[in-house]
Amino acid sequence: MAEITDQQMIDGQPCWIEVNIAQQRLTLFSANQQRLFEAPVSTAARGVGEQVDSLQTPRGWHQVRARIGNGLALNSVFSGRRFTGEIYNPQLRQQHPQRDWVLTRILWLSGLEPGHNRLGNCDTMRRYIYIHGTPDDYSIEQPSSHGCVRMRNHDVLSLFDRVSFATPVLIREC
């Protein structure tokens, strides 16, 4: 696991994130295993896997590489990790029915396990795997993403405000 530093502190306590794929749940824990926040998520429709272009959710230890979207409105739309200037709404969805909506906030993940989720053909960061918001009517609590961890917009906003750069993230199957 990554070394926990003062940057991953909440009220003076170190914290880390767990994504449980079997339960489709994300939990923010303190160092003493106290649950600080919990929310439903949606991981990859194609299951788990670390390979480039697999459209699967990578397992193992990661860290928050970047926090994107601080201060933007709920339902802000991102493309290529950049705010498009759009706010998601039903009309915008009708105009772009095939778009994979990345909304509100992005926590961009980087793998910490060389050969498993870091470097080479299994690099989580180069696969652009995020924890991010998704339209409120998208299914949550069942696998349906393209590899990322999707959350309801209010949930990702709440999580974003509680974590910092380099916060450890464990993605596990059960």
N, C-alpha and C. Protein backbone atom coordinates (compact mmCIF):
# COMPACT_ATOMS: atom_id res chain seq x y z
N MET A 1 0.85 -1.18 0.00
CA MET A 1 0.00 0.00 0.00
C MET A 1 0.89 1.24 0.00
N ALA A 2 0.36 2.29 -0.56
CA ALA A 2 1.08 3.57 -0.58
C ALA A 2 1.24 4.09 0.83
N GLU A 3 2.33 4.78 1.05
CA GLU A 3 2.53 5.40 2.35
C GLU A 3 1.51 6.51 2.53
N ILE A 4 0.84 6.51 3.66
CA ILE A 4 -0.15 7.55 3.94
C ILE A 4 0.57 8.73 4.55
N THR A 5 0.37 9.89 3.97
CA THR A 5 1.03 11.12 4.44
C THR A 5 -0.02 12.06 5.00
N ASP A 6 0.45 13.20 5.49
CA ASP A 6 -0.46 14.20 6.03
C ASP A 6 -1.47 14.68 5.01
N GLN A 7 -1.19 14.49 3.71
CA GLN A 7 -2.11 14.98 2.68
C GLN A 7 -3.41 14.18 2.61
N GLN A 8 -3.43 12.98 3.16
CA GLN A 8 -4.65 12.18 3.14
C GLN A 8 -5.32 12.17 4.51
N MET A 9 -5.46 13.32 5.10
CA MET A 9 -6.01 13.43 6.44
C MET A 9 -7.41 14.03 6.43
N ILE A 10 -8.25 13.49 7.28
CA ILE A 10 -9.55 14.08 7.56
C ILE A 10 -9.62 14.23 9.07
N ASP A 11 -9.79 15.45 9.51
CA ASP A 11 -9.80 15.74 10.95
C ASP A 11 -8.60 15.11 11.65
N GLY A 12 -7.43 15.20 11.02
CA GLY A 12 -6.21 14.70 11.63
C GLY A 12 -6.01 13.20 11.48
N GLN A 13 -6.92 12.50 10.81
CA GLN A 13 -6.82 11.06 10.65
C GLN A 13 -6.55 10.70 9.19
N PRO A 14 -5.61 9.78 8.94
CA PRO A 14 -5.41 9.35 7.56
C PRO A 14 -6.63 8.59 7.05
N CYS A 15 -6.85 8.65 5.75
CA CYS A 15 -8.02 7.97 5.17
C CYS A 15 -7.63 7.25 3.89
N TRP A 16 -8.50 6.33 3.47
CA TRP A 16 -8.33 5.61 2.22
C TRP A 16 -9.71 5.18 1.71
N ILE A 17 -9.77 4.91 0.40
CA ILE A 17 -11.03 4.55 -0.26
C ILE A 17 -10.99 3.08 -0.63
N GLU A 18 -12.12 2.40 -0.44
CA GLU A 18 -12.28 1.03 -0.92
C GLU A 18 -13.45 0.99 -1.88
N VAL A 19 -13.25 0.39 -3.06
CA VAL A 19 -14.32 0.12 -4.00
C VAL A 19 -14.52 -1.39 -4.00
N ASN A 20 -15.69 -1.83 -3.57
CA ASN A 20 -16.03 -3.25 -3.52
C ASN A 20 -16.88 -3.56 -4.75
N ILE A 21 -16.31 -4.28 -5.69
CA ILE A 21 -16.99 -4.56 -6.96
C ILE A 21 -18.18 -5.47 -6.76
N ALA A 22 -18.06 -6.50 -5.93
CA ALA A 22 -19.18 -7.43 -5.71
C ALA A 22 -20.39 -6.71 -5.13
N GLN A 23 -20.15 -5.77 -4.23
CA GLN A 23 -21.25 -5.04 -3.59
C GLN A 23 -21.61 -3.75 -4.33
N GLN A 24 -20.77 -3.34 -5.30
CA GLN A 24 -20.97 -2.07 -6.00
C GLN A 24 -21.10 -0.94 -4.99
N ARG A 25 -20.11 -0.88 -4.08
CA ARG A 25 -20.09 0.13 -3.01
C ARG A 25 -18.71 0.76 -2.93
N LEU A 26 -18.69 2.03 -2.62
CA LEU A 26 -17.46 2.75 -2.32
C LEU A 26 -17.55 3.20 -0.88
N THR A 27 -16.47 2.98 -0.14
CA THR A 27 -16.42 3.38 1.26
C THR A 27 -15.14 4.16 1.50
N LEU A 28 -15.25 5.27 2.21
CA LEU A 28 -14.11 6.04 2.66
C LEU A 28 -13.88 5.66 4.12
N PHE A 29 -12.67 5.15 4.41
CA PHE A 29 -12.32 4.70 5.75
C PHE A 29 -11.27 5.62 6.36
N SER A 30 -11.32 5.73 7.69
CA SER A 30 -10.21 6.33 8.42
C SER A 30 -9.16 5.24 8.63
N ALA A 31 -7.99 5.62 9.11
CA ALA A 31 -6.92 4.65 9.34
C ALA A 31 -7.32 3.57 10.33
N ASN A 32 -8.21 3.89 11.27
CA ASN A 32 -8.65 2.90 12.25
C ASN A 32 -9.93 2.17 11.79
N GLN A 33 -10.18 2.16 10.48
CA GLN A 33 -11.27 1.43 9.85
C GLN A 33 -12.67 1.99 10.12
N GLN A 34 -12.75 3.20 10.62
CA GLN A 34 -14.06 3.83 10.81
C GLN A 34 -14.59 4.26 9.44
N ARG A 35 -15.86 3.95 9.16
CA ARG A 35 -16.49 4.36 7.91
C ARG A 35 -16.84 5.84 8.01
N LEU A 36 -16.26 6.61 7.09
CA LEU A 36 -16.49 8.05 7.10
C LEU A 36 -17.53 8.45 6.06
N PHE A 37 -17.69 7.63 5.02
CA PHE A 37 -18.60 7.92 3.91
C PHE A 37 -18.80 6.63 3.14
N GLU A 38 -20.03 6.42 2.63
CA GLU A 38 -20.32 5.23 1.85
C GLU A 38 -21.36 5.58 0.80
N ALA A 39 -21.21 5.02 -0.40
CA ALA A 39 -22.15 5.31 -1.49
C ALA A 39 -22.16 4.16 -2.50
N PRO A 40 -23.28 3.99 -3.20
CA PRO A 40 -23.32 3.00 -4.28
C PRO A 40 -22.54 3.49 -5.49
N VAL A 41 -22.02 2.55 -6.26
CA VAL A 41 -21.26 2.87 -7.47
C VAL A 41 -21.66 1.92 -8.59
N SER A 42 -21.14 2.19 -9.76
CA SER A 42 -21.25 1.29 -10.90
C SER A 42 -19.85 1.12 -11.48
N THR A 43 -19.38 -0.12 -11.54
CA THR A 43 -18.10 -0.43 -12.14
C THR A 43 -18.33 -0.98 -13.55
N ALA A 44 -17.32 -1.54 -14.16
CA ALA A 44 -17.37 -1.92 -15.58
C ALA A 44 -18.37 -3.03 -15.91
N ALA A 45 -19.10 -2.83 -16.98
CA ALA A 45 -20.02 -3.84 -17.50
C ALA A 45 -19.27 -5.10 -17.90
N ARG A 46 -18.01 -4.96 -18.31
CA ARG A 46 -17.20 -6.10 -18.75
C ARG A 46 -16.41 -6.74 -17.61
N GLY A 47 -16.71 -6.37 -16.37
CA GLY A 47 -16.05 -7.00 -15.23
C GLY A 47 -14.73 -6.36 -14.87
N VAL A 48 -13.84 -7.16 -14.31
CA VAL A 48 -12.56 -6.66 -13.83
C VAL A 48 -11.43 -7.09 -14.75
N GLY A 49 -10.42 -6.26 -14.81
CA GLY A 49 -9.24 -6.56 -15.59
C GLY A 49 -8.36 -5.34 -15.69
N GLU A 50 -7.10 -5.57 -15.92
CA GLU A 50 -6.13 -4.50 -15.89
C GLU A 50 -5.59 -4.11 -17.27
N GLN A 51 -5.90 -4.86 -18.29
CA GLN A 51 -5.29 -4.63 -19.60
C GLN A 51 -5.84 -3.40 -20.32
N VAL A 52 -4.95 -2.72 -21.05
CA VAL A 52 -5.33 -1.58 -21.88
C VAL A 52 -6.42 -2.01 -22.85
N ASP A 53 -7.39 -1.15 -23.10
CA ASP A 53 -8.50 -1.36 -24.04
C ASP A 53 -9.46 -2.47 -23.63
N SER A 54 -9.40 -2.95 -22.41
CA SER A 54 -10.30 -4.03 -21.96
C SER A 54 -11.67 -3.51 -21.57
N LEU A 55 -11.80 -2.22 -21.29
CA LEU A 55 -13.04 -1.62 -20.77
C LEU A 55 -13.48 -2.29 -19.46
N GLN A 56 -12.50 -2.76 -18.68
CA GLN A 56 -12.75 -3.40 -17.40
C GLN A 56 -12.21 -2.52 -16.27
N THR A 57 -12.73 -2.73 -15.08
CA THR A 57 -12.27 -1.99 -13.90
C THR A 57 -11.03 -2.67 -13.34
N PRO A 58 -9.94 -1.92 -13.18
CA PRO A 58 -8.70 -2.50 -12.66
C PRO A 58 -8.75 -2.71 -11.14
N ARG A 59 -8.16 -3.82 -10.70
CA ARG A 59 -8.13 -4.16 -9.28
C ARG A 59 -6.81 -3.72 -8.65
N GLY A 60 -6.78 -3.78 -7.33
CA GLY A 60 -5.57 -3.54 -6.57
C GLY A 60 -5.50 -2.14 -5.99
N TRP A 61 -4.29 -1.80 -5.51
CA TRP A 61 -4.06 -0.52 -4.87
C TRP A 61 -3.76 0.55 -5.90
N HIS A 62 -4.42 1.68 -5.74
CA HIS A 62 -4.24 2.85 -6.57
C HIS A 62 -4.11 4.06 -5.66
N GLN A 63 -3.94 5.21 -6.26
CA GLN A 63 -4.02 6.46 -5.51
C GLN A 63 -4.68 7.51 -6.39
N VAL A 64 -5.20 8.54 -5.75
CA VAL A 64 -5.78 9.66 -6.49
C VAL A 64 -4.62 10.44 -7.09
N ARG A 65 -4.53 10.43 -8.42
CA ARG A 65 -3.46 11.12 -9.13
C ARG A 65 -3.80 12.59 -9.34
N ALA A 66 -5.10 12.87 -9.55
CA ALA A 66 -5.54 14.25 -9.76
C ALA A 66 -6.99 14.38 -9.33
N ARG A 67 -7.31 15.57 -8.84
CA ARG A 67 -8.68 15.95 -8.48
C ARG A 67 -9.09 17.03 -9.47
N ILE A 68 -10.14 16.77 -10.24
CA ILE A 68 -10.51 17.66 -11.33
C ILE A 68 -11.96 18.13 -11.16
N GLY A 69 -12.15 19.44 -11.28
CA GLY A 69 -13.50 20.00 -11.25
C GLY A 69 -13.83 20.81 -10.02
N ASN A 70 -12.86 21.01 -9.14
CA ASN A 70 -13.13 21.75 -7.91
C ASN A 70 -13.78 23.10 -8.21
N GLY A 71 -14.91 23.35 -7.56
CA GLY A 71 -15.60 24.63 -7.69
C GLY A 71 -16.60 24.71 -8.84
N LEU A 72 -16.64 23.71 -9.70
CA LEU A 72 -17.61 23.72 -10.80
C LEU A 72 -18.99 23.29 -10.32
N ALA A 73 -20.00 23.62 -11.10
CA ALA A 73 -21.39 23.30 -10.76
C ALA A 73 -21.66 21.80 -10.83
N LEU A 74 -22.67 21.37 -10.09
CA LEU A 74 -23.17 20.02 -10.20
C LEU A 74 -23.56 19.77 -11.65
N ASN A 75 -23.28 18.59 -12.18
CA ASN A 75 -23.58 18.19 -13.55
C ASN A 75 -22.71 18.86 -14.61
N SER A 76 -21.59 19.48 -14.20
CA SER A 76 -20.63 20.00 -15.17
C SER A 76 -20.14 18.82 -16.03
N VAL A 77 -19.98 19.05 -17.33
CA VAL A 77 -19.60 18.01 -18.28
C VAL A 77 -18.11 18.09 -18.57
N PHE A 78 -17.45 16.92 -18.57
CA PHE A 78 -16.03 16.83 -18.88
C PHE A 78 -15.81 15.97 -20.11
N SER A 79 -14.82 16.35 -20.88
CA SER A 79 -14.34 15.54 -21.99
C SER A 79 -12.82 15.65 -21.98
N GLY A 80 -12.14 14.51 -21.97
CA GLY A 80 -10.70 14.54 -21.88
C GLY A 80 -10.20 15.24 -20.64
N ARG A 81 -10.91 15.12 -19.53
CA ARG A 81 -10.59 15.72 -18.24
C ARG A 81 -10.69 17.24 -18.24
N ARG A 82 -11.32 17.79 -19.22
CA ARG A 82 -11.51 19.25 -19.30
C ARG A 82 -13.00 19.57 -19.25
N PHE A 83 -13.33 20.64 -18.54
CA PHE A 83 -14.71 21.12 -18.49
C PHE A 83 -15.08 21.65 -19.87
N THR A 84 -16.18 21.16 -20.43
CA THR A 84 -16.60 21.54 -21.78
C THR A 84 -17.34 22.88 -21.80
N GLY A 85 -17.72 23.38 -20.64
CA GLY A 85 -18.55 24.57 -20.57
C GLY A 85 -20.03 24.23 -20.53
N GLU A 86 -20.35 22.95 -20.62
CA GLU A 86 -21.75 22.49 -20.63
C GLU A 86 -22.17 22.02 -19.24
N ILE A 87 -23.45 22.12 -18.99
CA ILE A 87 -24.08 21.53 -17.81
C ILE A 87 -25.06 20.48 -18.33
N TYR A 88 -24.89 19.25 -17.86
CA TYR A 88 -25.72 18.14 -18.34
C TYR A 88 -27.20 18.41 -18.10
N ASN A 89 -28.03 18.10 -19.11
CA ASN A 89 -29.49 18.18 -19.00
C ASN A 89 -30.08 17.24 -20.05
N PRO A 90 -31.37 16.95 -20.00
CA PRO A 90 -31.98 16.01 -20.95
C PRO A 90 -31.82 16.43 -22.42
N GLN A 91 -31.86 17.70 -22.70
CA GLN A 91 -31.71 18.16 -24.09
C GLN A 91 -30.30 17.86 -24.60
N LEU A 92 -29.32 18.08 -23.78
CA LEU A 92 -27.94 17.80 -24.16
C LEU A 92 -27.75 16.30 -24.40
N ARG A 93 -28.39 15.50 -23.57
CA ARG A 93 -28.32 14.04 -23.75
C ARG A 93 -28.94 13.63 -25.08
N GLN A 94 -30.06 14.24 -25.45
CA GLN A 94 -30.69 13.94 -26.74
C GLN A 94 -29.79 14.33 -27.91
N GLN A 95 -29.07 15.42 -27.76
CA GLN A 95 -28.16 15.87 -28.82
C GLN A 95 -26.95 14.95 -28.98
N HIS A 96 -26.55 14.27 -27.89
CA HIS A 96 -25.36 13.41 -27.88
C HIS A 96 -25.69 12.05 -27.24
N PRO A 97 -26.52 11.24 -27.89
CA PRO A 97 -27.00 10.00 -27.25
C PRO A 97 -25.90 8.95 -27.00
N GLN A 98 -24.80 8.99 -27.73
CA GLN A 98 -23.75 7.98 -27.56
C GLN A 98 -22.63 8.41 -26.62
N ARG A 99 -22.71 9.59 -26.07
CA ARG A 99 -21.65 10.12 -25.23
C ARG A 99 -21.56 9.35 -23.91
N ASP A 100 -20.34 9.07 -23.47
CA ASP A 100 -20.10 8.49 -22.14
C ASP A 100 -19.94 9.65 -21.18
N TRP A 101 -20.98 9.98 -20.45
CA TRP A 101 -21.04 11.19 -19.63
C TRP A 101 -20.13 11.10 -18.41
N VAL A 102 -19.23 12.05 -18.30
CA VAL A 102 -18.36 12.21 -17.13
C VAL A 102 -18.75 13.57 -16.55
N LEU A 103 -19.35 13.53 -15.35
CA LEU A 103 -19.97 14.73 -14.79
C LEU A 103 -19.43 15.09 -13.40
N THR A 104 -19.60 16.33 -13.04
CA THR A 104 -19.45 16.93 -11.71
C THR A 104 -18.02 16.99 -11.20
N ARG A 105 -17.37 15.85 -10.98
CA ARG A 105 -15.99 15.80 -10.48
C ARG A 105 -15.32 14.55 -11.03
N ILE A 106 -13.98 14.61 -11.10
CA ILE A 106 -13.16 13.47 -11.50
C ILE A 106 -12.07 13.27 -10.46
N LEU A 107 -11.95 12.03 -9.98
CA LEU A 107 -10.78 11.60 -9.22
C LEU A 107 -10.05 10.62 -10.14
N TRP A 108 -8.95 11.07 -10.73
CA TRP A 108 -8.19 10.28 -11.70
C TRP A 108 -7.26 9.36 -10.92
N LEU A 109 -7.33 8.05 -11.20
CA LEU A 109 -6.57 7.07 -10.45
C LEU A 109 -5.27 6.68 -11.14
N SER A 110 -4.28 6.35 -10.34
CA SER A 110 -2.99 5.84 -10.81
C SER A 110 -2.68 4.58 -10.03
N GLY A 111 -2.32 3.51 -10.72
CA GLY A 111 -1.99 2.25 -10.06
C GLY A 111 -0.72 2.36 -9.25
N LEU A 112 -0.64 1.53 -8.21
CA LEU A 112 0.54 1.51 -7.34
C LEU A 112 1.28 0.18 -7.40
N GLU A 113 0.81 -0.76 -8.23
CA GLU A 113 1.40 -2.09 -8.27
C GLU A 113 2.02 -2.34 -9.65
N PRO A 114 3.35 -2.10 -9.79
CA PRO A 114 4.00 -2.32 -11.08
C PRO A 114 3.76 -3.73 -11.61
N GLY A 115 3.41 -3.81 -12.89
CA GLY A 115 3.13 -5.09 -13.53
C GLY A 115 1.71 -5.58 -13.33
N HIS A 116 0.97 -4.96 -12.43
CA HIS A 116 -0.43 -5.35 -12.20
C HIS A 116 -1.38 -4.23 -12.65
N ASN A 117 -1.17 -3.02 -12.14
CA ASN A 117 -2.03 -1.89 -12.53
C ASN A 117 -1.21 -0.62 -12.79
N ARG A 118 0.09 -0.82 -12.93
CA ARG A 118 0.98 0.31 -13.19
C ARG A 118 2.05 -0.10 -14.21
N LEU A 119 2.26 0.77 -15.18
CA LEU A 119 3.26 0.59 -16.23
C LEU A 119 2.83 -0.46 -17.26
N GLY A 120 3.43 -0.39 -18.42
CA GLY A 120 3.16 -1.37 -19.48
C GLY A 120 1.74 -1.36 -19.98
N ASN A 121 1.22 -2.54 -20.31
CA ASN A 121 -0.13 -2.69 -20.87
C ASN A 121 -1.23 -2.78 -19.82
N CYS A 122 -0.91 -2.40 -18.59
CA CYS A 122 -1.91 -2.49 -17.52
C CYS A 122 -1.94 -1.22 -16.68
N ASP A 123 -1.53 -0.10 -17.23
CA ASP A 123 -1.39 1.13 -16.45
C ASP A 123 -2.73 1.85 -16.28
N THR A 124 -3.23 1.86 -15.06
CA THR A 124 -4.52 2.48 -14.75
C THR A 124 -4.57 3.95 -15.17
N MET A 125 -3.50 4.69 -14.89
CA MET A 125 -3.50 6.11 -15.23
C MET A 125 -3.59 6.31 -16.74
N ARG A 126 -2.80 5.57 -17.51
CA ARG A 126 -2.83 5.71 -18.97
C ARG A 126 -4.11 5.17 -19.58
N ARG A 127 -4.85 4.38 -18.82
CA ARG A 127 -6.17 3.90 -19.26
C ARG A 127 -7.25 4.94 -18.95
N TYR A 128 -6.90 6.00 -18.25
CA TYR A 128 -7.84 7.07 -17.87
C TYR A 128 -9.00 6.52 -17.05
N ILE A 129 -8.65 5.82 -15.98
CA ILE A 129 -9.65 5.28 -15.06
C ILE A 129 -9.90 6.31 -13.97
N TYR A 130 -11.19 6.67 -13.82
CA TYR A 130 -11.60 7.70 -12.86
C TYR A 130 -12.69 7.18 -11.92
N ILE A 131 -12.85 7.89 -10.83
CA ILE A 131 -14.09 7.90 -10.06
C ILE A 131 -14.76 9.20 -10.48
N HIS A 132 -15.98 9.12 -11.01
CA HIS A 132 -16.62 10.33 -11.53
C HIS A 132 -18.13 10.27 -11.42
N GLY A 133 -18.76 11.42 -11.58
CA GLY A 133 -20.22 11.51 -11.57
C GLY A 133 -20.79 11.04 -12.89
N THR A 134 -22.06 10.68 -12.84
CA THR A 134 -22.78 10.17 -14.02
C THR A 134 -24.22 10.68 -13.96
N PRO A 135 -24.93 10.70 -15.08
CA PRO A 135 -26.31 11.18 -15.04
C PRO A 135 -27.14 10.45 -13.97
N ASP A 136 -28.00 11.19 -13.33
CA ASP A 136 -28.78 10.63 -12.22
C ASP A 136 -29.69 9.47 -12.62
N ASP A 137 -30.05 9.39 -13.90
CA ASP A 137 -30.91 8.28 -14.31
C ASP A 137 -30.13 7.06 -14.81
N TYR A 138 -28.80 7.12 -14.81
CA TYR A 138 -27.98 5.95 -15.17
C TYR A 138 -28.04 4.94 -14.03
N SER A 139 -27.91 3.68 -14.37
CA SER A 139 -27.96 2.64 -13.34
C SER A 139 -26.72 2.71 -12.45
N ILE A 140 -26.98 2.63 -11.19
CA ILE A 140 -25.95 2.57 -10.16
C ILE A 140 -26.24 1.28 -9.39
N GLU A 141 -25.22 0.72 -8.78
CA GLU A 141 -25.30 -0.53 -8.03
C GLU A 141 -25.34 -1.76 -8.93
N GLN A 142 -25.07 -1.57 -10.23
CA GLN A 142 -24.88 -2.71 -11.13
C GLN A 142 -23.83 -2.31 -12.15
N PRO A 143 -22.96 -3.25 -12.52
CA PRO A 143 -21.88 -2.93 -13.45
C PRO A 143 -22.41 -2.43 -14.79
N SER A 144 -21.98 -1.23 -15.21
CA SER A 144 -22.44 -0.69 -16.49
C SER A 144 -21.47 0.32 -17.10
N SER A 145 -20.34 0.58 -16.44
CA SER A 145 -19.41 1.59 -16.95
C SER A 145 -18.48 0.99 -18.01
N HIS A 146 -17.61 1.85 -18.54
CA HIS A 146 -16.60 1.43 -19.52
C HIS A 146 -15.25 1.20 -18.85
N GLY A 147 -15.24 0.99 -17.55
CA GLY A 147 -14.01 0.74 -16.79
C GLY A 147 -13.88 1.62 -15.56
N CYS A 148 -14.46 2.79 -15.62
CA CYS A 148 -14.38 3.73 -14.49
C CYS A 148 -15.34 3.32 -13.37
N VAL A 149 -15.26 4.06 -12.27
CA VAL A 149 -16.17 3.90 -11.15
C VAL A 149 -17.12 5.08 -11.20
N ARG A 150 -18.37 4.82 -11.54
CA ARG A 150 -19.38 5.88 -11.64
C ARG A 150 -20.11 6.05 -10.32
N MET A 151 -20.44 7.30 -10.00
CA MET A 151 -21.19 7.61 -8.79
C MET A 151 -22.29 8.61 -9.12
N ARG A 152 -23.30 8.67 -8.26
CA ARG A 152 -24.29 9.73 -8.38
C ARG A 152 -23.58 11.06 -8.14
N ASN A 153 -24.07 12.11 -8.75
CA ASN A 153 -23.38 13.40 -8.71
C ASN A 153 -23.22 13.97 -7.30
N HIS A 154 -24.25 13.89 -6.49
CA HIS A 154 -24.13 14.40 -5.12
C HIS A 154 -23.12 13.58 -4.32
N ASP A 155 -23.06 12.27 -4.59
CA ASP A 155 -22.11 11.40 -3.88
C ASP A 155 -20.67 11.71 -4.28
N VAL A 156 -20.40 11.86 -5.59
CA VAL A 156 -19.02 12.14 -6.00
C VAL A 156 -18.59 13.51 -5.50
N LEU A 157 -19.49 14.45 -5.44
CA LEU A 157 -19.18 15.77 -4.90
C LEU A 157 -18.79 15.67 -3.42
N SER A 158 -19.55 14.90 -2.67
CA SER A 158 -19.26 14.71 -1.25
C SER A 158 -17.92 14.00 -1.04
N LEU A 159 -17.66 12.96 -1.83
CA LEU A 159 -16.38 12.25 -1.73
C LEU A 159 -15.23 13.17 -2.10
N PHE A 160 -15.35 13.88 -3.19
CA PHE A 160 -14.32 14.79 -3.69
C PHE A 160 -13.89 15.78 -2.61
N ASP A 161 -14.87 16.30 -1.89
CA ASP A 161 -14.58 17.29 -0.85
C ASP A 161 -13.90 16.68 0.37
N ARG A 162 -13.85 15.35 0.46
CA ARG A 162 -13.27 14.67 1.63
C ARG A 162 -11.90 14.07 1.37
N VAL A 163 -11.46 14.02 0.12
CA VAL A 163 -10.18 13.37 -0.17
C VAL A 163 -9.23 14.35 -0.86
N SER A 164 -7.97 13.97 -0.86
CA SER A 164 -6.94 14.83 -1.44
C SER A 164 -6.10 14.04 -2.44
N PHE A 165 -5.20 14.74 -3.07
CA PHE A 165 -4.21 14.13 -3.95
C PHE A 165 -3.48 13.03 -3.18
N ALA A 166 -3.27 11.90 -3.83
CA ALA A 166 -2.53 10.75 -3.30
C ALA A 166 -3.30 9.91 -2.29
N THR A 167 -4.58 10.16 -2.09
CA THR A 167 -5.37 9.30 -1.21
C THR A 167 -5.35 7.87 -1.77
N PRO A 168 -5.00 6.87 -0.96
CA PRO A 168 -4.99 5.48 -1.44
C PRO A 168 -6.40 4.99 -1.76
N VAL A 169 -6.49 4.16 -2.81
CA VAL A 169 -7.75 3.58 -3.26
C VAL A 169 -7.52 2.10 -3.51
N LEU A 170 -8.28 1.24 -2.83
CA LEU A 170 -8.24 -0.19 -3.06
C LEU A 170 -9.48 -0.59 -3.84
N ILE A 171 -9.29 -1.21 -5.01
CA ILE A 171 -10.41 -1.74 -5.78
C ILE A 171 -10.30 -3.25 -5.68
N ARG A 172 -11.35 -3.86 -5.09
CA ARG A 172 -11.32 -5.31 -4.88
C ARG A 172 -12.61 -5.95 -5.34
N GLU A 173 -12.53 -7.24 -5.65
CA GLU A 173 -13.70 -7.95 -6.19
C GLU A 173 -14.73 -8.30 -5.14
N CYS A 174 -14.32 -8.61 -3.91
CA CYS A 174 -15.30 -8.98 -2.89
C CYS A 174 -14.92 -8.44 -1.54
